[in-house]
Amino acid sequence: MSLTDTRKAKEYLLGITHNATNESFPDGTASARKSGTVLLEKFSANGETPLKRVVVRYGLVDEQGNNLDDVEKTLPDWFHPEKIYQHFNGKPLSFED
């Protein structure tokens, strides 16, 4: 239900899925995924150890407001699900770690 209308509900969803296929998400949310979520594709060197390399599939824009679709980037160290969870649960992000 979080994907039905995130903007009007003023809800923000951080979803993590192994594979961004239609089966990974609830039925009827395909258009909402494109307008209310960020999809980053991560990579690994050996199938287990993640690299900082990602491809922004959709959901982010550059400084001029242009969509970053299928753009390769490098993740900052703070961009990690556990650190983001901690940020929203009393431990602010530290950019000096």
C-alpha atoms as a PDB file:
ATOM      1  CA  MET A   1       0.000   0.000   0.000  1.00  0.00           C
ATOM      2  CA  SER A   2       2.924   2.377   0.524  1.00  0.00           C
ATOM      3  CA  LEU A   3       3.436   2.516  -3.227  1.00  0.00           C
ATOM      4  CA  THR A   4      -0.144   3.456  -4.113  1.00  0.00           C
ATOM      5  CA  ASP A   5       0.350   7.225  -3.746  1.00  0.00           C
ATOM      6  CA  THR A   6       3.446   8.161  -1.771  1.00  0.00           C
ATOM      7  CA  ARG A   7       3.408  11.849  -2.625  1.00  0.00           C
ATOM      8  CA  LYS A   8      -0.155  12.626  -1.490  1.00  0.00           C
ATOM      9  CA  ALA A   9       0.199  10.492   1.608  1.00  0.00           C
ATOM     10  CA  LYS A  10       3.475  12.280   2.459  1.00  0.00           C
ATOM     11  CA  GLU A  11       5.054   8.900   3.006  1.00  0.00           C
ATOM     12  CA  TYR A  12       8.572   7.960   2.078  1.00  0.00           C
ATOM     13  CA  LEU A  13       9.463   4.380   1.375  1.00  0.00           C
ATOM     14  CA  LEU A  14      12.871   2.808   1.370  1.00  0.00           C
ATOM     15  CA  GLY A  15      12.457  -0.572  -0.230  1.00  0.00           C
ATOM     16  CA  ILE A  16      15.222  -3.059  -0.709  1.00  0.00           C
ATOM     17  CA  THR A  17      14.785  -5.955  -3.069  1.00  0.00           C
ATOM     18  CA  HIS A  18      17.168  -8.508  -4.453  1.00  0.00           C
ATOM     19  CA  ASN A  19      15.794  -8.173  -7.940  1.00  0.00           C
ATOM     20  CA  ALA A  20      13.642  -5.307  -9.235  1.00  0.00           C
ATOM     21  CA  THR A  21      11.224  -7.488 -11.179  1.00  0.00           C
ATOM     22  CA  ASN A  22       7.455  -7.041 -11.188  1.00  0.00           C
ATOM     23  CA  GLU A  23       7.208 -10.052  -8.870  1.00  0.00           C
ATOM     24  CA  SER A  24       9.202  -8.114  -6.251  1.00  0.00           C
ATOM     25  CA  PHE A  25       6.450  -5.521  -5.852  1.00  0.00           C
ATOM     26  CA  PRO A  26       2.695  -5.530  -5.168  1.00  0.00           C
ATOM     27  CA  ASP A  27       0.298  -5.770  -8.124  1.00  0.00           C
ATOM     28  CA  GLY A  28      -0.794  -2.468  -9.659  1.00  0.00           C
ATOM     29  CA  THR A  29       2.227  -0.444  -8.503  1.00  0.00           C
ATOM     30  CA  ALA A  30       4.261  -0.223 -11.722  1.00  0.00           C
ATOM     31  CA  SER A  31       3.475   3.455 -12.431  1.00  0.00           C
ATOM     32  CA  ALA A  32       3.828   4.459  -8.777  1.00  0.00           C
ATOM     33  CA  ARG A  33       7.275   2.884  -8.642  1.00  0.00           C
ATOM     34  CA  LYS A  34       8.474   5.204 -11.401  1.00  0.00           C
ATOM     35  CA  SER A  35       7.036   8.326  -9.757  1.00  0.00           C
ATOM     36  CA  GLY A  36       7.535   7.659  -6.060  1.00  0.00           C
ATOM     37  CA  THR A  37      10.659   5.578  -5.608  1.00  0.00           C
ATOM     38  CA  VAL A  38      14.356   5.482  -6.408  1.00  0.00           C
ATOM     39  CA  LEU A  39      15.800   2.389  -8.063  1.00  0.00           C
ATOM     40  CA  LEU A  40      19.535   1.818  -7.824  1.00  0.00           C
ATOM     41  CA  GLU A  41      21.136  -1.280  -9.275  1.00  0.00           C
ATOM     42  CA  LYS A  42      24.182  -2.371  -7.276  1.00  0.00           C
ATOM     43  CA  PHE A  43      27.056  -4.555  -8.429  1.00  0.00           C
ATOM     44  CA  SER A  44      29.553  -6.917  -6.878  1.00  0.00           C
ATOM     45  CA  ALA A  45      32.918  -8.213  -7.981  1.00  0.00           C
ATOM     46  CA  ASN A  46      32.377 -11.787  -6.827  1.00  0.00           C
ATOM     47  CA  GLY A  47      28.608 -12.102  -6.453  1.00  0.00           C
ATOM     48  CA  GLU A  48      28.770 -11.424  -2.703  1.00  0.00           C
ATOM     49  CA  THR A  49      30.885  -8.381  -1.850  1.00  0.00           C
ATOM     50  CA  PRO A  50      29.088  -5.188  -2.939  1.00  0.00           C
ATOM     51  CA  LEU A  51      30.903  -2.498  -4.881  1.00  0.00           C
ATOM     52  CA  LYS A  52      30.227   1.230  -4.557  1.00  0.00           C
ATOM     53  CA  ARG A  53      29.309   1.209  -8.263  1.00  0.00           C
ATOM     54  CA  VAL A  54      25.608   1.617  -8.967  1.00  0.00           C
ATOM     55  CA  VAL A  55      23.380   2.466 -11.892  1.00  0.00           C
ATOM     56  CA  VAL A  56      20.573   4.892 -11.172  1.00  0.00           C
ATOM     57  CA  ARG A  57      17.656   3.311 -13.023  1.00  0.00           C
ATOM     58  CA  TYR A  58      15.143   6.036 -12.072  1.00  0.00           C
ATOM     59  CA  GLY A  59      14.001   8.345  -9.301  1.00  0.00           C
ATOM     60  CA  LEU A  60      16.886  10.805  -8.953  1.00  0.00           C
ATOM     61  CA  VAL A  61      17.630  14.074 -10.735  1.00  0.00           C
ATOM     62  CA  ASP A  62      20.787  16.112 -11.279  1.00  0.00           C
ATOM     63  CA  GLU A  63      21.410  19.733 -10.193  1.00  0.00           C
ATOM     64  CA  GLN A  64      19.427  21.039 -13.193  1.00  0.00           C
ATOM     65  CA  GLY A  65      16.417  18.798 -12.510  1.00  0.00           C
ATOM     66  CA  ASN A  66      17.128  16.365 -15.341  1.00  0.00           C
ATOM     67  CA  ASN A  67      16.190  12.752 -14.663  1.00  0.00           C
ATOM     68  CA  LEU A  68      19.105  10.452 -14.006  1.00  0.00           C
ATOM     69  CA  ASP A  69      17.938   7.352 -15.833  1.00  0.00           C
ATOM     70  CA  ASP A  70      20.429   4.549 -16.419  1.00  0.00           C
ATOM     71  CA  VAL A  71      23.337   6.692 -15.201  1.00  0.00           C
ATOM     72  CA  GLU A  72      26.335   5.073 -13.520  1.00  0.00           C
ATOM     73  CA  LYS A  73      27.462   6.618 -10.217  1.00  0.00           C
ATOM     74  CA  THR A  74      29.463   5.784  -7.103  1.00  0.00           C
ATOM     75  CA  LEU A  75      27.675   5.542  -3.768  1.00  0.00           C
ATOM     76  CA  PRO A  76      28.953   7.547  -0.806  1.00  0.00           C
ATOM     77  CA  ASP A  77      29.873   5.526   2.288  1.00  0.00           C
ATOM     78  CA  TRP A  78      26.816   6.758   4.216  1.00  0.00           C
ATOM     79  CA  PHE A  79      24.392   5.377   1.607  1.00  0.00           C
ATOM     80  CA  HIS A  80      23.767   2.048   3.284  1.00  0.00           C
ATOM     81  CA  PRO A  81      20.364   0.650   4.385  1.00  0.00           C
ATOM     82  CA  GLU A  82      21.435   0.162   8.002  1.00  0.00           C
ATOM     83  CA  LYS A  83      22.854   3.694   8.293  1.00  0.00           C
ATOM     84  CA  ILE A  84      19.715   5.187   6.747  1.00  0.00           C
ATOM     85  CA  TYR A  85      17.550   3.164   9.150  1.00  0.00           C
ATOM     86  CA  GLN A  86      19.656   4.364  12.085  1.00  0.00           C
ATOM     87  CA  HIS A  87      19.349   7.951  10.861  1.00  0.00           C
ATOM     88  CA  PHE A  88      15.567   7.772  11.172  1.00  0.00           C
ATOM     89  CA  ASN A  89      15.855   6.056  14.549  1.00  0.00           C
ATOM     90  CA  GLY A  90      17.950   8.469  16.584  1.00  0.00           C
ATOM     91  CA  LYS A  91      21.460   8.211  15.100  1.00  0.00           C
ATOM     92  CA  PRO A  92      22.033  11.073  12.623  1.00  0.00           C
ATOM     93  CA  LEU A  93      24.176  10.410   9.569  1.00  0.00           C
ATOM     94  CA  SER A  94      27.833  11.266  10.004  1.00  0.00           C
ATOM     95  CA  PHE A  95      29.670  12.375   6.888  1.00  0.00           C
ATOM     96  CA  GLU A  96      33.067  12.178   8.583  1.00  0.00           C
ATOM     97  CA  ASP A  97      33.202   8.376   9.052  1.00  0.00           C
END
